[in-house]
Structures are given as C-alpha cells and as structure tokens.
C-alpha cells in the first residue's frame, strides 16, 4: 500500500515562493542530515531563486536572500551550511561581480 499525503492546509508564509516550496522545505526538515537532505536544500534554493526572480523583476535576487528565507520558512531547522551550498553562494557572488564589471 502506498501512503497518501494529505494536502497541506496551513497558510502560505511567503506567497512569492508558493505552497510547493513550503511543502518541500517541510519535507526536507523531516529527513536526517546527509547527502539527500543537502541535495534537496540546494534544489529548493535554486527553485526559490528562480521564483523570486519572476516575482520581483526589479529587485536582484541573491542566493543569500534565499538562504535567509529558507532559514525563516524552516523555523531554523535548515541552515544551508553544506559545502555544496557554499559552492553555490561562491558561484552566485562570482556572477554578480561579473555583472557589475560590465
């Protein structure tokens, strides 16, 4: 038998990300620390960044802002301190520096 997931009826905390991102964060909080959780954190961050860019076209959406939002949405359970996430931040900073030079 497969386990059916119940629809989340809690209010959406940040509308610009939507319920799916909020549900992914809630699921990631249930996973034990490890490679799967780190991979999910990075995927969530990339998804949040894309959604934030669509929602706020006039505002630059850095990965640091997304990191703060993940921390807020997970009530401090997801800290995004993995090496993969740090590499993502470094790539984002390099891209931002390249844009400023132009």
PDB file of N, CA and C in Angstrom:
ATOM      1  N   UNK A   1       0.838  -1.184   0.000  1.00  0.00           N
ATOM      2  CA  UNK A   1       0.000   0.000   0.000  1.00  0.00           C
ATOM      3  C   UNK A   1       0.877   1.241   0.000  1.00  0.00           C
ATOM      4  N   UNK A   2       0.427   2.226  -0.701  1.00  0.00           N
ATOM      5  CA  UNK A   2       1.160   3.480  -0.714  1.00  0.00           C
ATOM      6  C   UNK A   2       0.547   4.429   0.291  1.00  0.00           C
ATOM      7  N   UNK A   3       1.393   5.222   0.856  1.00  0.00           N
ATOM      8  CA  UNK A   3       0.934   6.191   1.832  1.00  0.00           C
ATOM      9  C   UNK A   3       0.466   7.444   1.100  1.00  0.00           C
ATOM     10  N   UNK A   4      -0.733   7.885   1.397  1.00  0.00           N
ATOM     11  CA  UNK A   4      -1.251   9.080   0.756  1.00  0.00           C
ATOM     12  C   UNK A   4      -0.867  10.293   1.586  1.00  0.00           C
ATOM     13  N   UNK A   5      -0.378  11.312   0.906  1.00  0.00           N
ATOM     14  CA  UNK A   5      -0.044  12.543   1.587  1.00  0.00           C
ATOM     15  C   UNK A   5      -1.276  13.423   1.674  1.00  0.00           C
ATOM     16  N   UNK A   6      -1.500  13.979   2.827  1.00  0.00           N
ATOM     17  CA  UNK A   6      -2.640  14.881   2.997  1.00  0.00           C
ATOM     18  C   UNK A   6      -2.261  16.270   2.497  1.00  0.00           C
ATOM     19  N   UNK A   7      -3.210  16.934   1.932  1.00  0.00           N
ATOM     20  CA  UNK A   7      -2.990  18.286   1.421  1.00  0.00           C
ATOM     21  C   UNK A   7      -2.707  19.221   2.588  1.00  0.00           C
ATOM     22  N   UNK A   8      -1.659  19.994   2.437  1.00  0.00           N
ATOM     23  CA  UNK A   8      -1.273  20.950   3.464  1.00  0.00           C
ATOM     24  C   UNK A   8      -2.259  22.113   3.436  1.00  0.00           C
ATOM     25  N   UNK A   9      -2.894  22.385   4.548  1.00  0.00           N
ATOM     26  CA  UNK A   9      -3.871  23.468   4.602  1.00  0.00           C
ATOM     27  C   UNK A   9      -3.389  24.654   5.430  1.00  0.00           C
ATOM     28  N   UNK A  10      -2.141  24.615   5.865  1.00  0.00           N
ATOM     29  CA  UNK A  10      -1.619  25.755   6.610  1.00  0.00           C
ATOM     30  C   UNK A  10      -1.466  26.944   5.669  1.00  0.00           C
ATOM     31  N   UNK A  11      -1.595  28.153   6.186  1.00  0.00           N
ATOM     32  CA  UNK A  11      -1.454  29.325   5.319  1.00  0.00           C
ATOM     33  C   UNK A  11      -0.054  29.421   4.723  1.00  0.00           C
ATOM     34  N   UNK A  12       0.024  29.975   3.541  1.00  0.00           N
ATOM     35  CA  UNK A  12       1.306  30.160   2.878  1.00  0.00           C
ATOM     36  C   UNK A  12       2.032  31.309   3.567  1.00  0.00           C
ATOM     37  N   UNK A  13       3.270  31.074   3.969  1.00  0.00           N
ATOM     38  CA  UNK A  13       4.037  32.086   4.694  1.00  0.00           C
ATOM     39  C   UNK A  13       4.593  33.153   3.760  1.00  0.00           C
ATOM     40  N   UNK A  14       5.119  32.736   2.613  1.00  0.00           N
ATOM     41  CA  UNK A  14       5.693  33.669   1.633  1.00  0.00           C
ATOM     42  C   UNK A  14       5.087  33.359   0.278  1.00  0.00           C
ATOM     43  N   UNK A  15       4.189  34.214  -0.164  1.00  0.00           N
ATOM     44  CA  UNK A  15       3.433  33.943  -1.383  1.00  0.00           C
ATOM     45  C   UNK A  15       4.305  33.891  -2.623  1.00  0.00           C
ATOM     46  N   UNK A  16       5.413  34.608  -2.627  1.00  0.00           N
ATOM     47  CA  UNK A  16       6.248  34.618  -3.830  1.00  0.00           C
ATOM     48  C   UNK A  16       6.880  33.262  -4.106  1.00  0.00           C
ATOM     49  N   UNK A  17       6.971  32.387  -3.106  1.00  0.00           N
ATOM     50  CA  UNK A  17       7.524  31.053  -3.314  1.00  0.00           C
ATOM     51  C   UNK A  17       6.438  30.004  -3.526  1.00  0.00           C
ATOM     52  N   UNK A  18       5.305  30.179  -2.924  1.00  0.00           N
ATOM     53  CA  UNK A  18       4.193  29.255  -3.113  1.00  0.00           C
ATOM     54  C   UNK A  18       4.200  28.091  -2.145  1.00  0.00           C
ATOM     55  N   UNK A  19       3.114  27.337  -2.207  1.00  0.00           N
ATOM     56  CA  UNK A  19       2.924  26.224  -1.284  1.00  0.00           C
ATOM     57  C   UNK A  19       3.868  25.070  -1.567  1.00  0.00           C
ATOM     58  N   UNK A  20       4.193  24.831  -2.816  1.00  0.00           N
ATOM     59  CA  UNK A  20       5.044  23.683  -3.145  1.00  0.00           C
ATOM     60  C   UNK A  20       6.417  23.829  -2.496  1.00  0.00           C
ATOM     61  N   UNK A  21       6.990  25.020  -2.564  1.00  0.00           N
ATOM     62  CA  UNK A  21       8.294  25.246  -1.928  1.00  0.00           C
ATOM     63  C   UNK A  21       8.168  25.081  -0.418  1.00  0.00           C
ATOM     64  N   UNK A  22       7.092  25.589   0.144  1.00  0.00           N
ATOM     65  CA  UNK A  22       6.872  25.455   1.577  1.00  0.00           C
ATOM     66  C   UNK A  22       6.752  23.978   1.963  1.00  0.00           C
ATOM     67  N   UNK A  23       6.068  23.186   1.144  1.00  0.00           N
ATOM     68  CA  UNK A  23       5.943  21.749   1.406  1.00  0.00           C
ATOM     69  C   UNK A  23       7.284  21.031   1.248  1.00  0.00           C
ATOM     70  N   UNK A  24       8.092  21.444   0.254  1.00  0.00           N
ATOM     71  CA  UNK A  24       9.412  20.833   0.073  1.00  0.00           C
ATOM     72  C   UNK A  24      10.298  21.106   1.282  1.00  0.00           C
ATOM     73  N   UNK A  25      10.221  22.314   1.813  1.00  0.00           N
ATOM     74  CA  UNK A  25      11.016  22.660   2.992  1.00  0.00           C
ATOM     75  C   UNK A  25      10.559  21.833   4.191  1.00  0.00           C
ATOM     76  N   UNK A  26       9.247  21.673   4.352  1.00  0.00           N
ATOM     77  CA  UNK A  26       8.724  20.855   5.452  1.00  0.00           C
ATOM     78  C   UNK A  26       9.196  19.411   5.319  1.00  0.00           C
ATOM     79  N   UNK A  27       9.232  18.891   4.091  1.00  0.00           N
ATOM     80  CA  UNK A  27       9.710  17.520   3.873  1.00  0.00           C
ATOM     81  C   UNK A  27      11.207  17.416   4.168  1.00  0.00           C
ATOM     82  N   UNK A  28      11.975  18.414   3.736  1.00  0.00           N
ATOM     83  CA  UNK A  28      13.422  18.397   3.972  1.00  0.00           C
ATOM     84  C   UNK A  28      13.732  18.411   5.465  1.00  0.00           C
ATOM     85  N   UNK A  29      12.895  19.060   6.250  1.00  0.00           N
ATOM     86  CA  UNK A  29      13.105  19.102   7.697  1.00  0.00           C
ATOM     87  C   UNK A  29      12.923  17.727   8.334  1.00  0.00           C
ATOM     88  N   UNK A  30      12.162  16.853   7.682  1.00  0.00           N
ATOM     89  CA  UNK A  30      11.934  15.518   8.243  1.00  0.00           C
ATOM     90  C   UNK A  30      13.059  14.551   7.921  1.00  0.00           C
ATOM     91  N   UNK A  31      13.896  14.886   6.936  1.00  0.00           N
ATOM     92  CA  UNK A  31      14.989  13.997   6.531  1.00  0.00           C
ATOM     93  C   UNK A  31      16.150  14.090   7.520  1.00  0.00           C
ATOM     94  N   UNK A  32      16.853  12.979   7.735  1.00  0.00           N
ATOM     95  CA  UNK A  32      18.056  13.049   8.580  1.00  0.00           C
ATOM     96  C   UNK A  32      19.174  13.767   7.831  1.00  0.00           C
ATOM     97  N   UNK A  33      20.085  14.341   8.583  1.00  0.00           N
ATOM     98  CA  UNK A  33      21.204  15.050   7.962  1.00  0.00           C
ATOM     99  C   UNK A  33      21.996  14.081   7.093  1.00  0.00           C
ATOM    100  N   UNK A  34      22.302  14.523   5.895  1.00  0.00           N
ATOM    101  CA  UNK A  34      23.040  13.664   4.978  1.00  0.00           C
ATOM    102  C   UNK A  34      23.004  14.214   3.569  1.00  0.00           C
ATOM    103  N   UNK A  35      23.465  13.407   2.659  1.00  0.00           N
ATOM    104  CA  UNK A  35      23.601  13.835   1.271  1.00  0.00           C
ATOM    105  C   UNK A  35      22.249  14.157   0.623  1.00  0.00           C
ATOM    106  N   UNK A  36      21.239  13.346   0.911  1.00  0.00           N
ATOM    107  CA  UNK A  36      19.916  13.572   0.319  1.00  0.00           C
ATOM    108  C   UNK A  36      19.334  14.912   0.780  1.00  0.00           C
ATOM    109  N   UNK A  37      19.480  15.208   2.060  1.00  0.00           N
ATOM    110  CA  UNK A  37      18.964  16.472   2.598  1.00  0.00           C
ATOM    111  C   UNK A  37      19.722  17.664   2.012  1.00  0.00           C
ATOM    112  N   UNK A  38      21.043  17.535   1.888  1.00  0.00           N
ATOM    113  CA  UNK A  38      21.846  18.618   1.301  1.00  0.00           C
ATOM    114  C   UNK A  38      21.448  18.868  -0.152  1.00  0.00           C
ATOM    115  N   UNK A  39      21.245  17.795  -0.900  1.00  0.00           N
ATOM    116  CA  UNK A  39      20.843  17.928  -2.295  1.00  0.00           C
ATOM    117  C   UNK A  39      19.483  18.603  -2.412  1.00  0.00           C
ATOM    118  N   UNK A  40      18.581  18.232  -1.523  1.00  0.00           N
ATOM    119  CA  UNK A  40      17.249  18.836  -1.530  1.00  0.00           C
ATOM    120  C   UNK A  40      17.316  20.310  -1.159  1.00  0.00           C
ATOM    121  N   UNK A  41      18.181  20.669  -0.215  1.00  0.00           N
ATOM    122  CA  UNK A  41      18.357  22.078   0.152  1.00  0.00           C
ATOM    123  C   UNK A  41      18.822  22.899  -1.043  1.00  0.00           C
ATOM    124  N   UNK A  42      19.773  22.383  -1.784  1.00  0.00           N
ATOM    125  CA  UNK A  42      20.292  23.100  -2.956  1.00  0.00           C
ATOM    126  C   UNK A  42      19.205  23.217  -4.017  1.00  0.00           C
ATOM    127  N   UNK A  43      18.458  22.137  -4.246  1.00  0.00           N
ATOM    128  CA  UNK A  43      17.373  22.180  -5.227  1.00  0.00           C
ATOM    129  C   UNK A  43      16.315  23.206  -4.829  1.00  0.00           C
ATOM    130  N   UNK A  44      15.951  23.215  -3.554  1.00  0.00           N
ATOM    131  CA  UNK A  44      14.960  24.174  -3.058  1.00  0.00           C
ATOM    132  C   UNK A  44      15.472  25.598  -3.248  1.00  0.00           C
ATOM    133  N   UNK A  45      16.740  25.833  -2.928  1.00  0.00           N
ATOM    134  CA  UNK A  45      17.319  27.170  -3.070  1.00  0.00           C
ATOM    135  C   UNK A  45      17.297  27.628  -4.523  1.00  0.00           C
ATOM    136  N   UNK A  46      17.634  26.750  -5.445  1.00  0.00           N
ATOM    137  CA  UNK A  46      17.621  27.121  -6.859  1.00  0.00           C
ATOM    138  C   UNK A  46      16.200  27.412  -7.328  1.00  0.00           C
ATOM    139  N   UNK A  47      15.254  26.607  -6.879  1.00  0.00           N
ATOM    140  CA  UNK A  47      13.858  26.823  -7.232  1.00  0.00           C
ATOM    141  C   UNK A  47      13.346  28.148  -6.660  1.00  0.00           C
ATOM    142  N   UNK A  48      13.707  28.421  -5.411  1.00  0.00           N
ATOM    143  CA  UNK A  48      13.288  29.671  -4.771  1.00  0.00           C
ATOM    144  C   UNK A  48      13.885  30.876  -5.484  1.00  0.00           C
ATOM    145  N   UNK A  49      15.116  30.764  -5.906  1.00  0.00           N
ATOM    146  CA  UNK A  49      15.768  31.875  -6.594  1.00  0.00           C
ATOM    147  C   UNK A  49      15.066  32.178  -7.918  1.00  0.00           C
ATOM    148  N   UNK A  50      14.715  31.137  -8.659  1.00  0.00           N
ATOM    149  CA  UNK A  50      14.005  31.339  -9.921  1.00  0.00           C
ATOM    150  C   UNK A  50      12.635  31.964  -9.690  1.00  0.00           C
ATOM    151  N   UNK A  51      11.924  31.483  -8.696  1.00  0.00           N
ATOM    152  CA  UNK A  51      10.596  32.034  -8.396  1.00  0.00           C
ATOM    153  C   UNK A  51      10.702  33.474  -7.917  1.00  0.00           C
ATOM    154  N   UNK A  52      11.726  33.763  -7.136  1.00  0.00           N
ATOM    155  CA  UNK A  52      11.905  35.124  -6.636  1.00  0.00           C
ATOM    156  C   UNK A  52      12.229  36.084  -7.777  1.00  0.00           C
ATOM    157  N   UNK A  53      12.998  35.627  -8.756  1.00  0.00           N
ATOM    158  CA  UNK A  53      13.308  36.466  -9.909  1.00  0.00           C
ATOM    159  C   UNK A  53      12.055  36.764 -10.729  1.00  0.00           C
ATOM    160  N   UNK A  54      11.167  35.800 -10.835  1.00  0.00           N
ATOM    161  CA  UNK A  54       9.909  36.024 -11.563  1.00  0.00           C
ATOM    162  C   UNK A  54       8.994  36.983 -10.815  1.00  0.00           C
ATOM    163  N   UNK A  55       8.961  36.863  -9.499  1.00  0.00           N
ATOM    164  CA  UNK A  55       8.063  37.663  -8.679  1.00  0.00           C
ATOM    165  C   UNK A  55       8.578  39.096  -8.547  1.00  0.00           C
ATOM    166  N   UNK A  56       9.877  39.275  -8.359  1.00  0.00           N
ATOM    167  CA  UNK A  56      10.494  40.589  -8.140  1.00  0.00           C
ATOM    168  C   UNK A  56      11.427  40.922  -9.288  1.00  0.00           C
ATOM    169  N   UNK A  57      10.883  41.358 -10.387  1.00  0.00           N
ATOM    170  CA  UNK A  57      11.703  41.636 -11.562  1.00  0.00           C
ATOM    171  C   UNK A  57      12.623  42.838 -11.360  1.00  0.00           C
ATOM    172  N   UNK A  58      12.212  43.779 -10.543  1.00  0.00           N
ATOM    173  CA  UNK A  58      13.012  44.973 -10.337  1.00  0.00           C
ATOM    174  C   UNK A  58      14.097  44.801  -9.285  1.00  0.00           C
ATOM    175  N   UNK A  59      14.032  43.747  -8.524  1.00  0.00           N
ATOM    176  CA  UNK A  59      14.961  43.531  -7.410  1.00  0.00           C
ATOM    177  C   UNK A  59      15.876  42.358  -7.714  1.00  0.00           C
ATOM    178  N   UNK A  60      17.137  42.512  -7.421  1.00  0.00           N
ATOM    179  CA  UNK A  60      18.074  41.413  -7.632  1.00  0.00           C
ATOM    180  C   UNK A  60      17.887  40.367  -6.541  1.00  0.00           C
ATOM    181  N   UNK A  61      17.836  39.129  -6.947  1.00  0.00           N
ATOM    182  CA  UNK A  61      17.590  38.043  -6.006  1.00  0.00           C
ATOM    183  C   UNK A  61      18.863  37.237  -5.821  1.00  0.00           C
ATOM    184  N   UNK A  62      19.555  37.485  -4.756  1.00  0.00           N
ATOM    185  CA  UNK A  62      20.774  36.749  -4.479  1.00  0.00           C
ATOM    186  C   UNK A  62      20.496  35.487  -3.701  1.00  0.00           C
ATOM    187  N   UNK A  63      21.456  34.599  -3.747  1.00  0.00           N
ATOM    188  CA  UNK A  63      21.312  33.327  -3.047  1.00  0.00           C
ATOM    189  C   UNK A  63      21.340  33.550  -1.532  1.00  0.00           C
ATOM    190  N   UNK A  64      21.956  34.643  -1.095  1.00  0.00           N
ATOM    191  CA  UNK A  64      21.995  34.944   0.343  1.00  0.00           C
ATOM    192  C   UNK A  64      20.583  35.242   0.859  1.00  0.00           C
ATOM    193  N   UNK A  65      19.797  35.964   0.072  1.00  0.00           N
ATOM    194  CA  UNK A  65      18.405  36.247   0.458  1.00  0.00           C
ATOM    195  C   UNK A  65      17.610  34.953   0.520  1.00  0.00           C
ATOM    196  N   UNK A  66      17.822  34.085  -0.445  1.00  0.00           N
ATOM    197  CA  UNK A  66      17.130  32.797  -0.474  1.00  0.00           C
ATOM    198  C   UNK A  66      17.516  31.983   0.755  1.00  0.00           C
ATOM    199  N   UNK A  67      18.786  32.021   1.113  1.00  0.00           N
ATOM    200  CA  UNK A  67      19.261  31.287   2.291  1.00  0.00           C
ATOM    201  C   UNK A  67      18.548  31.771   3.554  1.00  0.00           C
ATOM    202  N   UNK A  68      18.389  33.080   3.684  1.00  0.00           N
ATOM    203  CA  UNK A  68      17.684  33.642   4.840  1.00  0.00           C
ATOM    204  C   UNK A  68      16.214  33.222   4.846  1.00  0.00           C
ATOM    205  N   UNK A  69      15.603  33.182   3.656  1.00  0.00           N
ATOM    206  CA  UNK A  69      14.209  32.786   3.566  1.00  0.00           C
ATOM    207  C   UNK A  69      14.025  31.302   3.899  1.00  0.00           C
ATOM    208  N   UNK A  70      14.966  30.461   3.474  1.00  0.00           N
ATOM    209  CA  UNK A  70      14.897  29.036   3.831  1.00  0.00           C
ATOM    210  C   UNK A  70      14.989  28.878   5.348  1.00  0.00           C
ATOM    211  N   UNK A  71      15.888  29.626   5.958  1.00  0.00           N
ATOM    212  CA  UNK A  71      16.040  29.567   7.412  1.00  0.00           C
ATOM    213  C   UNK A  71      14.746  29.994   8.100  1.00  0.00           C
ATOM    214  N   UNK A  72      14.118  31.041   7.579  1.00  0.00           N
ATOM    215  CA  UNK A  72      12.872  31.535   8.163  1.00  0.00           C
ATOM    216  C   UNK A  72      11.721  30.548   7.946  1.00  0.00           C
ATOM    217  N   UNK A  73      11.598  30.009   6.739  1.00  0.00           N
ATOM    218  CA  UNK A  73      10.497  29.086   6.438  1.00  0.00           C
ATOM    219  C   UNK A  73      10.631  27.753   7.174  1.00  0.00           C
ATOM    220  N   UNK A  74      11.859  27.342   7.466  1.00  0.00           N
ATOM    221  CA  UNK A  74      12.061  26.068   8.163  1.00  0.00           C
ATOM    222  C   UNK A  74      12.141  26.242   9.677  1.00  0.00           C
ATOM    223  N   UNK A  75      11.906  27.440  10.146  1.00  0.00           N
ATOM    224  CA  UNK A  75      11.996  27.747  11.581  1.00  0.00           C
ATOM    225  C   UNK A  75      13.358  27.379  12.149  1.00  0.00           C
ATOM    226  N   UNK A  76      14.406  27.612  11.354  1.00  0.00           N
ATOM    227  CA  UNK A  76      15.775  27.391  11.801  1.00  0.00           C
ATOM    228  C   UNK A  76      16.274  25.960  11.673  1.00  0.00           C
ATOM    229  N   UNK A  77      15.479  25.061  11.105  1.00  0.00           N
ATOM    230  CA  UNK A  77      15.890  23.659  11.005  1.00  0.00           C
ATOM    231  C   UNK A  77      16.834  23.417   9.838  1.00  0.00           C
ATOM    232  N   UNK A  78      16.690  24.157   8.748  1.00  0.00           N
ATOM    233  CA  UNK A  78      17.585  24.031   7.600  1.00  0.00           C
ATOM    234  C   UNK A  78      18.532  25.232   7.606  1.00  0.00           C
ATOM    235  N   UNK A  79      19.806  24.974   7.783  1.00  0.00           N
ATOM    236  CA  UNK A  79      20.764  26.062   7.904  1.00  0.00           C
ATOM    237  C   UNK A  79      21.542  26.336   6.625  1.00  0.00           C
ATOM    238  N   UNK A  80      21.501  25.409   5.687  1.00  0.00           N
ATOM    239  CA  UNK A  80      22.192  25.568   4.395  1.00  0.00           C
ATOM    240  C   UNK A  80      23.687  25.814   4.593  1.00  0.00           C
ATOM    241  N   UNK A  81      24.315  25.033   5.435  1.00  0.00           N
ATOM    242  CA  UNK A  81      25.743  25.167   5.711  1.00  0.00           C
ATOM    243  C   UNK A  81      26.591  24.124   5.004  1.00  0.00           C
ATOM    244  N   UNK A  82      26.003  23.352   4.107  1.00  0.00           N
ATOM    245  CA  UNK A  82      26.761  22.292   3.439  1.00  0.00           C
ATOM    246  C   UNK A  82      27.781  22.879   2.469  1.00  0.00           C
ATOM    247  N   UNK A  83      28.767  22.079   2.113  1.00  0.00           N
ATOM    248  CA  UNK A  83      29.807  22.514   1.179  1.00  0.00           C
ATOM    249  C   UNK A  83      29.224  22.807  -0.193  1.00  0.00           C
ATOM    250  N   UNK A  84      28.231  22.035  -0.605  1.00  0.00           N
ATOM    251  CA  UNK A  84      27.598  22.254  -1.911  1.00  0.00           C
ATOM    252  C   UNK A  84      26.890  23.604  -1.932  1.00  0.00           C
ATOM    253  N   UNK A  85      26.225  23.934  -0.847  1.00  0.00           N
ATOM    254  CA  UNK A  85      25.525  25.219  -0.769  1.00  0.00           C
ATOM    255  C   UNK A  85      26.526  26.371  -0.743  1.00  0.00           C
ATOM    256  N   UNK A  86      27.639  26.201  -0.045  1.00  0.00           N
ATOM    257  CA  UNK A  86      28.668  27.243  -0.016  1.00  0.00           C
ATOM    258  C   UNK A  86      29.243  27.462  -1.415  1.00  0.00           C
ATOM    259  N   UNK A  87      29.379  26.394  -2.186  1.00  0.00           N
ATOM    260  CA  UNK A  87      29.865  26.496  -3.562  1.00  0.00           C
ATOM    261  C   UNK A  87      28.853  27.271  -4.416  1.00  0.00           C
ATOM    262  N   UNK A  88      27.576  27.042  -4.185  1.00  0.00           N
ATOM    263  CA  UNK A  88      26.524  27.758  -4.901  1.00  0.00           C
ATOM    264  C   UNK A  88      26.591  29.251  -4.584  1.00  0.00           C
ATOM    265  N   UNK A  89      26.845  29.597  -3.336  1.00  0.00           N
ATOM    266  CA  UNK A  89      26.982  31.004  -2.944  1.00  0.00           C
ATOM    267  C   UNK A  89      28.190  31.631  -3.632  1.00  0.00           C
ATOM    268  N   UNK A  90      29.304  30.893  -3.693  1.00  0.00           N
ATOM    269  CA  UNK A  90      30.512  31.412  -4.350  1.00  0.00           C
ATOM    270  C   UNK A  90      30.260  31.651  -5.842  1.00  0.00           C
ATOM    271  N   UNK A  91      29.544  30.742  -6.496  1.00  0.00           N
ATOM    272  CA  UNK A  91      29.213  30.925  -7.910  1.00  0.00           C
ATOM    273  C   UNK A  91      28.332  32.142  -8.099  1.00  0.00           C
ATOM    274  N   UNK A  92      27.374  32.336  -7.210  1.00  0.00           N
ATOM    275  CA  UNK A  92      26.483  33.479  -7.298  1.00  0.00           C
ATOM    276  C   UNK A  92      27.246  34.781  -7.123  1.00  0.00           C
ATOM    277  N   UNK A  93      28.184  34.807  -6.180  1.00  0.00           N
ATOM    278  CA  UNK A  93      28.986  36.012  -5.961  1.00  0.00           C
ATOM    279  C   UNK A  93      29.868  36.314  -7.174  1.00  0.00           C
ATOM    280  N   UNK A  94      30.416  35.284  -7.802  1.00  0.00           N
ATOM    281  CA  UNK A  94      31.248  35.474  -8.988  1.00  0.00           C
ATOM    282  C   UNK A  94      30.415  36.023 -10.140  1.00  0.00           C
ATOM    283  N   UNK A  95      29.188  35.532 -10.309  1.00  0.00           N
ATOM    284  CA  UNK A  95      28.318  36.036 -11.365  1.00  0.00           C
ATOM    285  C   UNK A  95      27.924  37.482 -11.105  1.00  0.00           C
ATOM    286  N   UNK A  96      27.667  37.826  -9.848  1.00  0.00           N
ATOM    287  CA  UNK A  96      27.303  39.195  -9.504  1.00  0.00           C
ATOM    288  C   UNK A  96      28.463  40.143  -9.760  1.00  0.00           C
ATOM    289  N   UNK A  97      29.678  39.708  -9.435  1.00  0.00           N
ATOM    290  CA  UNK A  97      30.857  40.543  -9.679  1.00  0.00           C
ATOM    291  C   UNK A  97      31.080  40.750 -11.176  1.00  0.00           C
ATOM    292  N   UNK A  98      30.815  39.717 -11.950  1.00  0.00           N
ATOM    293  CA  UNK A  98      30.983  39.810 -13.407  1.00  0.00           C
ATOM    294  C   UNK A  98      29.972  40.795 -14.001  1.00  0.00           C
ATOM    295  N   UNK A  99      28.745  40.803 -13.488  1.00  0.00           N
ATOM    296  CA  UNK A  99      27.719  41.720 -13.970  1.00  0.00           C
ATOM    297  C   UNK A  99      28.052  43.165 -13.632  1.00  0.00           C
ATOM    298  N   UNK A 100      28.636  43.391 -12.451  1.00  0.00           N
ATOM    299  CA  UNK A 100      28.978  44.742 -12.038  1.00  0.00           C
ATOM    300  C   UNK A 100      30.092  45.335 -12.894  1.00  0.00           C
ATOM    301  N   UNK A 101      31.000  44.495 -13.386  1.00  0.00           N
ATOM    302  CA  UNK A 101      32.103  44.978 -14.209  1.00  0.00           C
ATOM    303  C   UNK A 101      31.619  45.480 -15.553  1.00  0.00           C
ATOM    304  N   UNK A 102      30.546  44.907 -16.055  1.00  0.00           N
ATOM    305  CA  UNK A 102      30.030  45.292 -17.377  1.00  0.00           C
ATOM    306  C   UNK A 102      29.410  46.611 -17.374  1.00  0.00           C
TER     307      UNK A 102
END
